[in-house]
Amino acid sequence: MPTELDQVDRKILRLVAARGRISHEEIARTVHVSRPAVHERVKRLEQQGVIKGYRAIVDWAALGLGLCAFVSVQADHARLTTIIGRLFEVSTPNAMVEECHRVTGQWCALLKVRAASTLELQQLLDAIMSVDGVQEVVTTIVLSSAEATG
């Protein structure tokens, strides 16, 4: 049974998802409840498995991988699990697969990739196409991204 969330819980989750190290004090100010109430809500969300952990947000540009793109992959469905595993192994010195999602529709997988330049992206796409069982790819380059606010 899914966990019931009220508006305050949803705001807390958006804040924690965007800034994992945000203090309970700052959350309390933002969502207009007391710090002890925030502490209890966060603790409950952790115990219920809604908040599974906290992670770093990587500044990809600082690593020289500022170009982000999404790559739709069409592949042999009978070998898809193996192919997805291979896609995570594909990289070049200046490009890599960050995320891989299995999706429905015309495409089997949606990759989020990072690269230093369009030339590096091209080389990564060539490497992706060389994975046995990959039949076709379509690439969308990200121009800018927006993030949800509290």
C-alpha atoms as a PDB file:
ATOM      1  CA  MET A   1       0.000   0.000   0.000  1.00  0.00           C
ATOM      2  CA  PRO A   2       1.479   3.378  -0.997  1.00  0.00           C
ATOM      3  CA  THR A   3       2.482   5.842   1.701  1.00  0.00           C
ATOM      4  CA  GLU A   4       0.024   8.710   2.168  1.00  0.00           C
ATOM      5  CA  LEU A   5       1.703  12.111   1.817  1.00  0.00           C
ATOM      6  CA  ASP A   6       0.274  15.509   2.656  1.00  0.00           C
ATOM      7  CA  GLN A   7       1.399  18.801   1.098  1.00  0.00           C
ATOM      8  CA  VAL A   8       4.029  19.376   3.796  1.00  0.00           C
ATOM      9  CA  ASP A   9       5.541  15.920   3.207  1.00  0.00           C
ATOM     10  CA  ARG A  10       5.641  16.609  -0.552  1.00  0.00           C
ATOM     11  CA  LYS A  11       7.413  19.942  -0.001  1.00  0.00           C
ATOM     12  CA  ILE A  12       9.911  18.292   2.345  1.00  0.00           C
ATOM     13  CA  LEU A  13      10.623  15.573  -0.223  1.00  0.00           C
ATOM     14  CA  ARG A  14      11.198  18.134  -2.998  1.00  0.00           C
ATOM     15  CA  LEU A  15      13.636  20.047  -0.784  1.00  0.00           C
ATOM     16  CA  VAL A  16      15.538  16.939   0.328  1.00  0.00           C
ATOM     17  CA  ALA A  17      15.653  15.583  -3.233  1.00  0.00           C
ATOM     18  CA  ALA A  18      17.094  18.857  -4.510  1.00  0.00           C
ATOM     19  CA  ARG A  19      19.481  19.462  -1.596  1.00  0.00           C
ATOM     20  CA  GLY A  20      20.154  16.325   0.408  1.00  0.00           C
ATOM     21  CA  ARG A  21      22.210  18.145   3.050  1.00  0.00           C
ATOM     22  CA  ILE A  22      19.588  20.822   3.724  1.00  0.00           C
ATOM     23  CA  SER A  23      19.125  21.356   7.461  1.00  0.00           C
ATOM     24  CA  HIS A  24      15.881  20.617   9.247  1.00  0.00           C
ATOM     25  CA  GLU A  25      15.973  24.258  10.357  1.00  0.00           C
ATOM     26  CA  GLU A  26      15.942  25.488   6.767  1.00  0.00           C
ATOM     27  CA  ILE A  27      13.226  23.020   5.779  1.00  0.00           C
ATOM     28  CA  ALA A  28      11.118  24.205   8.720  1.00  0.00           C
ATOM     29  CA  ARG A  29      11.444  27.836   7.610  1.00  0.00           C
ATOM     30  CA  THR A  30      10.549  26.955   4.027  1.00  0.00           C
ATOM     31  CA  VAL A  31       7.519  24.764   4.757  1.00  0.00           C
ATOM     32  CA  HIS A  32       6.348  26.809   7.780  1.00  0.00           C
ATOM     33  CA  VAL A  33       6.379  24.102  10.447  1.00  0.00           C
ATOM     34  CA  SER A  34       8.579  23.655  13.515  1.00  0.00           C
ATOM     35  CA  ARG A  35      12.027  22.044  13.321  1.00  0.00           C
ATOM     36  CA  PRO A  36      10.930  19.159  15.603  1.00  0.00           C
ATOM     37  CA  ALA A  37       7.950  18.539  13.290  1.00  0.00           C
ATOM     38  CA  VAL A  38      10.304  18.408  10.287  1.00  0.00           C
ATOM     39  CA  HIS A  39      12.595  16.022  12.181  1.00  0.00           C
ATOM     40  CA  GLU A  40       9.689  13.671  12.927  1.00  0.00           C
ATOM     41  CA  ARG A  41       8.372  13.798   9.365  1.00  0.00           C
ATOM     42  CA  VAL A  42      11.805  13.108   7.837  1.00  0.00           C
ATOM     43  CA  LYS A  43      12.393  10.266  10.310  1.00  0.00           C
ATOM     44  CA  ARG A  44       8.985   8.762   9.430  1.00  0.00           C
ATOM     45  CA  LEU A  45       9.670   9.078   5.684  1.00  0.00           C
ATOM     46  CA  GLU A  46      13.033   7.326   6.173  1.00  0.00           C
ATOM     47  CA  GLN A  47      11.468   4.530   8.263  1.00  0.00           C
ATOM     48  CA  GLN A  48       8.740   4.020   5.643  1.00  0.00           C
ATOM     49  CA  GLY A  49      11.383   3.712   2.935  1.00  0.00           C
ATOM     50  CA  VAL A  50      10.211   6.818   1.094  1.00  0.00           C
ATOM     51  CA  ILE A  51      13.598   8.463   1.669  1.00  0.00           C
ATOM     52  CA  LYS A  52      16.111   5.721   0.908  1.00  0.00           C
ATOM     53  CA  GLY A  53      19.274   7.777   1.250  1.00  0.00           C
ATOM     54  CA  TYR A  54      21.106  10.944   0.395  1.00  0.00           C
ATOM     55  CA  ARG A  55      23.519  11.448  -2.459  1.00  0.00           C
ATOM     56  CA  ALA A  56      25.866  13.977  -3.924  1.00  0.00           C
ATOM     57  CA  ILE A  57      24.848  16.185  -6.815  1.00  0.00           C
ATOM     58  CA  VAL A  58      27.691  16.132  -9.302  1.00  0.00           C
ATOM     59  CA  ASP A  59      28.723  19.281 -11.161  1.00  0.00           C
ATOM     60  CA  TRP A  60      29.374  17.599 -14.491  1.00  0.00           C
ATOM     61  CA  ALA A  61      30.748  20.809 -16.042  1.00  0.00           C
ATOM     62  CA  ALA A  62      33.433  20.894 -13.334  1.00  0.00           C
ATOM     63  CA  LEU A  63      34.505  17.435 -14.567  1.00  0.00           C
ATOM     64  CA  GLY A  64      34.606  18.641 -18.153  1.00  0.00           C
ATOM     65  CA  LEU A  65      31.424  16.716 -19.018  1.00  0.00           C
ATOM     66  CA  GLY A  66      29.046  19.657 -19.337  1.00  0.00           C
ATOM     67  CA  LEU A  67      27.196  18.412 -22.420  1.00  0.00           C
ATOM     68  CA  CYS A  68      24.118  16.355 -21.493  1.00  0.00           C
ATOM     69  CA  ALA A  69      22.040  14.343 -23.951  1.00  0.00           C
ATOM     70  CA  PHE A  70      19.300  11.739 -23.942  1.00  0.00           C
ATOM     71  CA  VAL A  71      19.724   8.767 -26.249  1.00  0.00           C
ATOM     72  CA  SER A  72      16.745   6.619 -27.198  1.00  0.00           C
ATOM     73  CA  VAL A  73      17.893   3.084 -28.000  1.00  0.00           C
ATOM     74  CA  GLN A  74      16.117   0.466 -30.061  1.00  0.00           C
ATOM     75  CA  ALA A  75      17.543  -3.014 -29.473  1.00  0.00           C
ATOM     76  CA  ASP A  76      16.890  -6.725 -29.731  1.00  0.00           C
ATOM     77  CA  HIS A  77      14.207  -7.324 -27.083  1.00  0.00           C
ATOM     78  CA  ALA A  78      15.260 -10.938 -26.528  1.00  0.00           C
ATOM     79  CA  ARG A  79      18.692  -9.776 -25.281  1.00  0.00           C
ATOM     80  CA  LEU A  80      17.688  -6.484 -23.691  1.00  0.00           C
ATOM     81  CA  THR A  81      18.914  -7.233 -20.151  1.00  0.00           C
ATOM     82  CA  THR A  82      22.387  -8.089 -21.468  1.00  0.00           C
ATOM     83  CA  ILE A  83      22.389  -5.095 -23.816  1.00  0.00           C
ATOM     84  CA  ILE A  84      21.486  -2.684 -21.006  1.00  0.00           C
ATOM     85  CA  GLY A  85      24.357  -4.060 -18.926  1.00  0.00           C
ATOM     86  CA  ARG A  86      26.721  -3.460 -21.846  1.00  0.00           C
ATOM     87  CA  LEU A  87      25.428   0.102 -22.344  1.00  0.00           C
ATOM     88  CA  PHE A  88      26.602   1.013 -18.838  1.00  0.00           C
ATOM     89  CA  GLU A  89      30.077  -0.226 -19.735  1.00  0.00           C
ATOM     90  CA  VAL A  90      30.292   1.995 -22.823  1.00  0.00           C
ATOM     91  CA  SER A  91      32.399   5.103 -22.342  1.00  0.00           C
ATOM     92  CA  THR A  92      35.181   7.116 -23.877  1.00  0.00           C
ATOM     93  CA  PRO A  93      37.811   9.155 -22.012  1.00  0.00           C
ATOM     94  CA  ASN A  94      35.496  12.190 -22.175  1.00  0.00           C
ATOM     95  CA  ALA A  95      31.969  10.739 -22.326  1.00  0.00           C
ATOM     96  CA  MET A  96      29.895   8.280 -20.330  1.00  0.00           C
ATOM     97  CA  VAL A  97      26.428   6.848 -19.736  1.00  0.00           C
ATOM     98  CA  GLU A  98      25.062   8.369 -16.524  1.00  0.00           C
ATOM     99  CA  GLU A  99      21.650   6.668 -16.378  1.00  0.00           C
ATOM    100  CA  CYS A 100      19.786   3.947 -18.261  1.00  0.00           C
ATOM    101  CA  HIS A 101      16.027   3.509 -18.115  1.00  0.00           C
ATOM    102  CA  ARG A 102      14.031   0.701 -19.695  1.00  0.00           C
ATOM    103  CA  VAL A 103      11.016   2.299 -21.372  1.00  0.00           C
ATOM    104  CA  THR A 104       7.872   1.389 -23.271  1.00  0.00           C
ATOM    105  CA  GLY A 105       6.968   2.361 -26.809  1.00  0.00           C
ATOM    106  CA  GLN A 106       9.104   2.355 -29.936  1.00  0.00           C
ATOM    107  CA  TRP A 107      12.336   2.556 -27.919  1.00  0.00           C
ATOM    108  CA  CYS A 108      13.656  -0.036 -25.454  1.00  0.00           C
ATOM    109  CA  ALA A 109      15.925   2.161 -23.362  1.00  0.00           C
ATOM    110  CA  LEU A 110      16.503   5.819 -22.632  1.00  0.00           C
ATOM    111  CA  LEU A 111      20.064   6.786 -21.730  1.00  0.00           C
ATOM    112  CA  LYS A 112      21.191   9.988 -20.061  1.00  0.00           C
ATOM    113  CA  VAL A 113      24.739  10.603 -21.211  1.00  0.00           C
ATOM    114  CA  ARG A 114      27.460  13.157 -20.405  1.00  0.00           C
ATOM    115  CA  ALA A 115      30.188  14.333 -22.743  1.00  0.00           C
ATOM    116  CA  ALA A 116      32.882  16.999 -23.003  1.00  0.00           C
ATOM    117  CA  SER A 117      31.878  18.064 -26.532  1.00  0.00           C
ATOM    118  CA  THR A 118      29.729  17.127 -29.493  1.00  0.00           C
ATOM    119  CA  LEU A 119      32.725  15.268 -30.957  1.00  0.00           C
ATOM    120  CA  GLU A 120      33.022  13.217 -27.748  1.00  0.00           C
ATOM    121  CA  LEU A 121      29.247  12.618 -27.864  1.00  0.00           C
ATOM    122  CA  GLN A 122      29.595  11.379 -31.442  1.00  0.00           C
ATOM    123  CA  GLN A 123      32.306   8.930 -30.366  1.00  0.00           C
ATOM    124  CA  LEU A 124      30.113   7.712 -27.481  1.00  0.00           C
ATOM    125  CA  LEU A 125      27.178   7.232 -29.881  1.00  0.00           C
ATOM    126  CA  ASP A 126      29.446   5.211 -32.193  1.00  0.00           C
ATOM    127  CA  ALA A 127      30.411   3.045 -29.207  1.00  0.00           C
ATOM    128  CA  ILE A 128      26.741   2.610 -28.236  1.00  0.00           C
ATOM    129  CA  MET A 129      25.867   1.589 -31.816  1.00  0.00           C
ATOM    130  CA  SER A 130      28.670  -0.987 -31.741  1.00  0.00           C
ATOM    131  CA  VAL A 131      27.038  -2.847 -28.819  1.00  0.00           C
ATOM    132  CA  ASP A 132      25.792  -6.154 -30.227  1.00  0.00           C
ATOM    133  CA  GLY A 133      21.994  -6.038 -30.440  1.00  0.00           C
ATOM    134  CA  VAL A 134      21.607  -2.247 -30.618  1.00  0.00           C
ATOM    135  CA  GLN A 135      19.670  -1.488 -33.785  1.00  0.00           C
ATOM    136  CA  GLU A 136      19.048   2.265 -33.791  1.00  0.00           C
ATOM    137  CA  VAL A 137      19.574   5.369 -31.659  1.00  0.00           C
ATOM    138  CA  VAL A 138      18.058   8.842 -31.653  1.00  0.00           C
ATOM    139  CA  THR A 139      19.790  11.580 -29.690  1.00  0.00           C
ATOM    140  CA  THR A 140      18.418  14.741 -28.086  1.00  0.00           C
ATOM    141  CA  ILE A 141      20.947  17.264 -26.764  1.00  0.00           C
ATOM    142  CA  VAL A 142      19.939  19.180 -23.622  1.00  0.00           C
ATOM    143  CA  LEU A 143      20.174  22.965 -23.995  1.00  0.00           C
ATOM    144  CA  SER A 144      19.210  23.807 -20.411  1.00  0.00           C
ATOM    145  CA  SER A 145      17.464  22.216 -17.444  1.00  0.00           C
ATOM    146  CA  ALA A 146      14.996  23.472 -14.856  1.00  0.00           C
ATOM    147  CA  GLU A 147      14.616  22.047 -11.376  1.00  0.00           C
ATOM    148  CA  ALA A 148      11.513  21.878  -9.228  1.00  0.00           C
ATOM    149  CA  THR A 149      11.460  24.354  -6.399  1.00  0.00           C
ATOM    150  CA  GLY A 150      10.100  23.805  -2.879  1.00  0.00           C
END
